[in-house]
PDB file of N, CA and C in Angstrom:
ATOM      1  N   LYS A   1      39.443 -50.222  54.856  1.00  0.00           N
ATOM      2  CA  LYS A   1      39.032 -48.899  54.270  1.00  0.00           C
ATOM      3  C   LYS A   1      37.605 -48.885  54.566  1.00  0.00           C
ATOM      4  N   ASN A   2      36.540 -49.700  54.103  1.00  0.00           N
ATOM      5  CA  ASN A   2      35.182 -49.866  54.581  1.00  0.00           C
ATOM      6  C   ASN A   2      35.159 -50.143  55.873  1.00  0.00           C
ATOM      7  N   LYS A   3      34.284 -49.271  56.787  1.00  0.00           N
ATOM      8  CA  LYS A   3      34.043 -49.557  58.108  1.00  0.00           C
ATOM      9  C   LYS A   3      32.407 -49.378  58.354  1.00  0.00           C
ATOM     10  N   SER A   4      32.115 -50.194  59.231  1.00  0.00           N
ATOM     11  CA  SER A   4      30.625 -50.373  59.547  1.00  0.00           C
ATOM     12  C   SER A   4      30.385 -49.905  61.190  1.00  0.00           C
ATOM     13  N   PHE A   5      29.501 -49.018  61.740  1.00  0.00           N
ATOM     14  CA  PHE A   5      29.200 -48.516  62.912  1.00  0.00           C
ATOM     15  C   PHE A   5      27.716 -48.871  63.231  1.00  0.00           C
ATOM     16  N   ASN A   6      27.601 -49.492  64.385  1.00  0.00           N
ATOM     17  CA  ASN A   6      26.154 -49.742  64.797  1.00  0.00           C
ATOM     18  C   ASN A   6      26.121 -48.720  65.904  1.00  0.00           C
ATOM     19  N   LEU A   7      25.003 -47.726  65.673  1.00  0.00           N
ATOM     20  CA  LEU A   7      24.873 -46.687  66.639  1.00  0.00           C
ATOM     21  C   LEU A   7      23.769 -47.018  67.461  1.00  0.00           C
ATOM     22  N   SER A   8      23.783 -46.698  68.837  1.00  0.00           N
ATOM     23  CA  SER A   8      22.447 -46.942  69.581  1.00  0.00           C
ATOM     24  C   SER A   8      21.564 -45.515  69.529  1.00  0.00           C
ATOM     25  N   PRO A   9      20.484 -45.484  70.145  1.00  0.00           N
ATOM     26  CA  PRO A   9      19.724 -44.287  70.278  1.00  0.00           C
ATOM     27  C   PRO A   9      20.602 -43.205  71.091  1.00  0.00           C
ATOM     28  N   HIS A  10      20.594 -41.980  70.441  1.00  0.00           N
ATOM     29  CA  HIS A  10      21.077 -40.712  71.067  1.00  0.00           C
ATOM     30  C   HIS A  10      22.683 -40.896  70.640  1.00  0.00           C
ATOM     31  N   GLN A  11      23.037 -41.690  70.016  1.00  0.00           N
ATOM     32  CA  GLN A  11      24.436 -41.627  69.675  1.00  0.00           C
ATOM     33  C   GLN A  11      24.846 -40.854  68.432  1.00  0.00           C
ATOM     34  N   SER A  12      26.184 -40.419  68.375  1.00  0.00           N
ATOM     35  CA  SER A  12      26.208 -39.539  67.032  1.00  0.00           C
ATOM     36  C   SER A  12      27.579 -39.913  66.369  1.00  0.00           C
ATOM     37  N   ILE A  13      27.981 -39.631  65.269  1.00  0.00           N
ATOM     38  CA  ILE A  13      29.205 -40.042  64.644  1.00  0.00           C
ATOM     39  C   ILE A  13      29.442 -38.899  63.616  1.00  0.00           C
ATOM     40  N   ASP A  14      30.992 -38.485  63.551  1.00  0.00           N
ATOM     41  CA  ASP A  14      31.407 -37.404  62.865  1.00  0.00           C
ATOM     42  C   ASP A  14      31.792 -38.193  61.538  1.00  0.00           C
ATOM     43  N   ILE A  15      31.410 -37.499  60.379  1.00  0.00           N
ATOM     44  CA  ILE A  15      31.801 -38.008  58.950  1.00  0.00           C
ATOM     45  C   ILE A  15      32.738 -36.881  58.413  1.00  0.00           C
ATOM     46  N   PRO A  16      34.096 -37.240  58.090  1.00  0.00           N
ATOM     47  CA  PRO A  16      34.921 -36.212  57.660  1.00  0.00           C
ATOM     48  C   PRO A  16      34.557 -35.636  56.399  1.00  0.00           C
ATOM     49  N   ILE A  17      34.839 -34.496  56.101  1.00  0.00           N
ATOM     50  CA  ILE A  17      34.581 -33.696  54.755  1.00  0.00           C
ATOM     51  C   ILE A  17      34.972 -34.784  53.708  1.00  0.00           C
ATOM     52  N   LYS A  18      34.221 -34.613  52.486  1.00  0.00           N
ATOM     53  CA  LYS A  18      34.478 -35.572  51.440  1.00  0.00           C
ATOM     54  C   LYS A  18      34.508 -37.192  51.572  1.00  0.00           C
ATOM     55  N   ALA A  19      34.192 -37.588  52.843  1.00  0.00           N
ATOM     56  CA  ALA A  19      34.059 -38.959  52.874  1.00  0.00           C
ATOM     57  C   ALA A  19      33.049 -39.561  52.159  1.00  0.00           C
ATOM     58  N   LYS A  20      33.086 -40.851  51.483  1.00  0.00           N
ATOM     59  CA  LYS A  20      31.709 -41.519  50.852  1.00  0.00           C
ATOM     60  C   LYS A  20      31.068 -42.188  52.084  1.00  0.00           C
ATOM     61  N   HIS A  21      29.969 -42.080  51.951  1.00  0.00           N
ATOM     62  CA  HIS A  21      29.281 -42.715  53.132  1.00  0.00           C
ATOM     63  C   HIS A  21      27.818 -42.985  53.010  1.00  0.00           C
ATOM     64  N   ARG A  22      27.331 -43.792  53.625  1.00  0.00           N
ATOM     65  CA  ARG A  22      25.806 -44.151  53.447  1.00  0.00           C
ATOM     66  C   ARG A  22      25.345 -44.524  54.709  1.00  0.00           C
ATOM     67  N   LEU A  23      23.962 -44.595  54.984  1.00  0.00           N
ATOM     68  CA  LEU A  23      23.435 -44.701  56.146  1.00  0.00           C
ATOM     69  C   LEU A  23      22.366 -46.002  55.677  1.00  0.00           C
ATOM     70  N   GLU A  24      22.153 -46.858  56.807  1.00  0.00           N
ATOM     71  CA  GLU A  24      21.292 -47.968  56.606  1.00  0.00           C
ATOM     72  C   GLU A  24      20.645 -48.185  57.954  1.00  0.00           C
ATOM     73  N   ASN A  25      19.285 -48.398  57.823  1.00  0.00           N
ATOM     74  CA  ASN A  25      18.647 -48.848  59.113  1.00  0.00           C
ATOM     75  C   ASN A  25      18.075 -50.403  59.219  1.00  0.00           C
ATOM     76  N   PRO A  26      18.880 -50.993  59.915  1.00  0.00           N
ATOM     77  CA  PRO A  26      18.481 -52.581  59.932  1.00  0.00           C
ATOM     78  C   PRO A  26      17.472 -53.060  60.921  1.00  0.00           C
ATOM     79  N   ASN A  27      16.908 -51.953  61.385  1.00  0.00           N
ATOM     80  CA  ASN A  27      15.795 -52.277  62.401  1.00  0.00           C
ATOM     81  C   ASN A  27      14.438 -51.993  61.775  1.00  0.00           C
ATOM     82  N   SER A  28      13.404 -52.195  62.398  1.00  0.00           N
ATOM     83  CA  SER A  28      12.173 -52.078  61.899  1.00  0.00           C
ATOM     84  C   SER A  28      11.405 -50.828  62.376  1.00  0.00           C
ATOM     85  N   LYS A  29      12.223 -50.056  63.562  1.00  0.00           N
ATOM     86  CA  LYS A  29      11.762 -48.986  64.035  1.00  0.00           C
ATOM     87  C   LYS A  29      12.135 -47.644  63.177  1.00  0.00           C
ATOM     88  N   PRO A  30      11.407 -46.718  62.994  1.00  0.00           N
ATOM     89  CA  PRO A  30      11.789 -45.523  62.221  1.00  0.00           C
ATOM     90  C   PRO A  30      13.076 -45.009  62.507  1.00  0.00           C
ATOM     91  N   LEU A  31      13.946 -44.380  61.936  1.00  0.00           N
ATOM     92  CA  LEU A  31      15.111 -43.743  61.895  1.00  0.00           C
ATOM     93  C   LEU A  31      15.157 -42.367  61.883  1.00  0.00           C
ATOM     94  N   GLU A  32      15.550 -41.748  62.929  1.00  0.00           N
ATOM     95  CA  GLU A  32      15.400 -40.071  62.789  1.00  0.00           C
ATOM     96  C   GLU A  32      17.010 -39.782  62.641  1.00  0.00           C
ATOM     97  N   ILE A  33      17.280 -38.912  61.647  1.00  0.00           N
ATOM     98  CA  ILE A  33      18.467 -38.426  61.533  1.00  0.00           C
ATOM     99  C   ILE A  33      18.505 -36.918  61.777  1.00  0.00           C
ATOM    100  N   ILE A  34      19.471 -36.540  62.401  1.00  0.00           N
ATOM    101  CA  ILE A  34      19.758 -35.071  62.761  1.00  0.00           C
ATOM    102  C   ILE A  34      21.231 -34.555  62.026  1.00  0.00           C
ATOM    103  N   GLU A  35      21.140 -33.896  61.078  1.00  0.00           N
ATOM    104  CA  GLU A  35      22.554 -33.474  60.276  1.00  0.00           C
ATOM    105  C   GLU A  35      22.872 -32.325  60.846  1.00  0.00           C
ATOM    106  N   ILE A  36      24.133 -32.069  61.288  1.00  0.00           N
ATOM    107  CA  ILE A  36      24.609 -30.709  61.770  1.00  0.00           C
ATOM    108  C   ILE A  36      25.802 -30.356  60.931  1.00  0.00           C
ATOM    109  N   GLN A  37      25.871 -29.224  60.229  1.00  0.00           N
ATOM    110  CA  GLN A  37      27.017 -28.782  59.377  1.00  0.00           C
ATOM    111  C   GLN A  37      27.608 -27.672  60.090  1.00  0.00           C
ATOM    112  N   SER A  38      28.795 -27.504  60.084  1.00  0.00           N
ATOM    113  CA  SER A  38      29.696 -26.513  60.524  1.00  0.00           C
ATOM    114  C   SER A  38      30.726 -25.918  59.658  1.00  0.00           C
ATOM    115  N   GLY A  39      30.949 -24.757  59.679  1.00  0.00           N
ATOM    116  CA  GLY A  39      32.024 -24.081  58.693  1.00  0.00           C
ATOM    117  C   GLY A  39      31.519 -22.799  58.131  1.00  0.00           C
ATOM    118  N   ASP A  40      32.174 -22.296  57.333  1.00  0.00           N
ATOM    119  CA  ASP A  40      31.841 -21.275  56.550  1.00  0.00           C
ATOM    120  C   ASP A  40      30.662 -21.344  55.485  1.00  0.00           C
ATOM    121  N   TYR A  41      30.723 -22.345  54.758  1.00  0.00           N
ATOM    122  CA  TYR A  41      29.816 -22.672  53.838  1.00  0.00           C
ATOM    123  C   TYR A  41      28.861 -23.814  54.215  1.00  0.00           C
ATOM    124  N   LEU A  42      27.594 -23.450  53.975  1.00  0.00           N
ATOM    125  CA  LEU A  42      26.632 -24.442  54.787  1.00  0.00           C
ATOM    126  C   LEU A  42      25.652 -24.981  53.580  1.00  0.00           C
ATOM    127  N   GLY A  43      25.939 -24.620  52.224  1.00  0.00           N
ATOM    128  CA  GLY A  43      24.949 -25.277  51.182  1.00  0.00           C
ATOM    129  C   GLY A  43      24.919 -26.517  50.832  1.00  0.00           C
ATOM    130  N   GLU A  44      24.057 -27.024  50.112  1.00  0.00           N
ATOM    131  CA  GLU A  44      23.849 -28.493  49.776  1.00  0.00           C
ATOM    132  C   GLU A  44      24.204 -28.786  48.202  1.00  0.00           C
ATOM    133  N   ASP A  45      24.754 -27.462  47.413  1.00  0.00           N
ATOM    134  CA  ASP A  45      24.943 -27.753  46.141  1.00  0.00           C
ATOM    135  C   ASP A  45      26.337 -28.299  45.942  1.00  0.00           C
ATOM    136  N   ASP A  46      27.140 -28.807  46.975  1.00  0.00           N
ATOM    137  CA  ASP A  46      28.257 -29.547  46.832  1.00  0.00           C
ATOM    138  C   ASP A  46      28.331 -31.199  47.133  1.00  0.00           C
ATOM    139  N   ILE A  47      26.940 -31.538  47.127  1.00  0.00           N
ATOM    140  CA  ILE A  47      26.801 -33.104  47.236  1.00  0.00           C
ATOM    141  C   ILE A  47      26.977 -33.737  45.968  1.00  0.00           C
ATOM    142  N   ILE A  48      27.713 -34.792  46.065  1.00  0.00           N
ATOM    143  CA  ILE A  48      28.189 -35.709  45.003  1.00  0.00           C
ATOM    144  C   ILE A  48      27.365 -36.938  45.404  1.00  0.00           C
ATOM    145  N   ARG A  49      26.435 -37.589  44.406  1.00  0.00           N
ATOM    146  CA  ARG A  49      25.856 -38.779  44.803  1.00  0.00           C
ATOM    147  C   ARG A  49      26.635 -39.877  44.067  1.00  0.00           C
ATOM    148  N   ILE A  50      26.818 -40.836  44.746  1.00  0.00           N
ATOM    149  CA  ILE A  50      27.540 -41.946  44.077  1.00  0.00           C
ATOM    150  C   ILE A  50      26.465 -43.071  43.940  1.00  0.00           C
ATOM    151  N   ASP A  51      26.680 -43.853  42.832  1.00  0.00           N
ATOM    152  CA  ASP A  51      25.593 -44.815  42.390  1.00  0.00           C
ATOM    153  C   ASP A  51      25.362 -45.757  43.547  1.00  0.00           C
ATOM    154  N   ASP A  52      24.043 -45.845  43.714  1.00  0.00           N
ATOM    155  CA  ASP A  52      23.882 -46.949  44.729  1.00  0.00           C
ATOM    156  C   ASP A  52      22.664 -47.800  44.246  1.00  0.00           C
ATOM    157  N   LYS A  53      22.168 -48.807  45.147  1.00  0.00           N
ATOM    158  CA  LYS A  53      21.247 -49.660  44.707  1.00  0.00           C
ATOM    159  C   LYS A  53      19.845 -49.083  44.608  1.00  0.00           C
ATOM    160  N   TYR A  54      19.461 -47.786  45.074  1.00  0.00           N
ATOM    161  CA  TYR A  54      18.287 -46.893  44.704  1.00  0.00           C
ATOM    162  C   TYR A  54      18.272 -46.097  43.446  1.00  0.00           C
ATOM    163  N   GLU A  55      19.590 -46.173  42.818  1.00  0.00           N
ATOM    164  CA  GLU A  55      19.618 -45.451  41.286  1.00  0.00           C
ATOM    165  C   GLU A  55      19.121 -44.014  41.742  1.00  0.00           C
ATOM    166  N   ARG A  56      19.624 -43.361  42.752  1.00  0.00           N
ATOM    167  CA  ARG A  56      19.346 -41.964  42.915  1.00  0.00           C
ATOM    168  C   ARG A  56      20.217 -41.163  42.028  1.00  0.00           C
ATOM    169  N   GLN A  57      19.903 -40.078  41.997  1.00  0.00           N
ATOM    170  CA  GLN A  57      20.747 -39.074  41.045  1.00  0.00           C
ATOM    171  C   GLN A  57      21.339 -37.656  41.886  1.00  0.00           C
TER     172      GLN A  57
END
């Protein structure tokens, strides 16, 4: 069930709708994330935060 992916520069990954996910940068170089949404609704009020080690709300 839990999967990890190591992406190289300029690689992308699709995250399915409602999939629990997180990102981590194991490198000392800055990480740039470009999020692309598609569909009829592109709002951000549907985000559900899962407890994490940073205690974000």
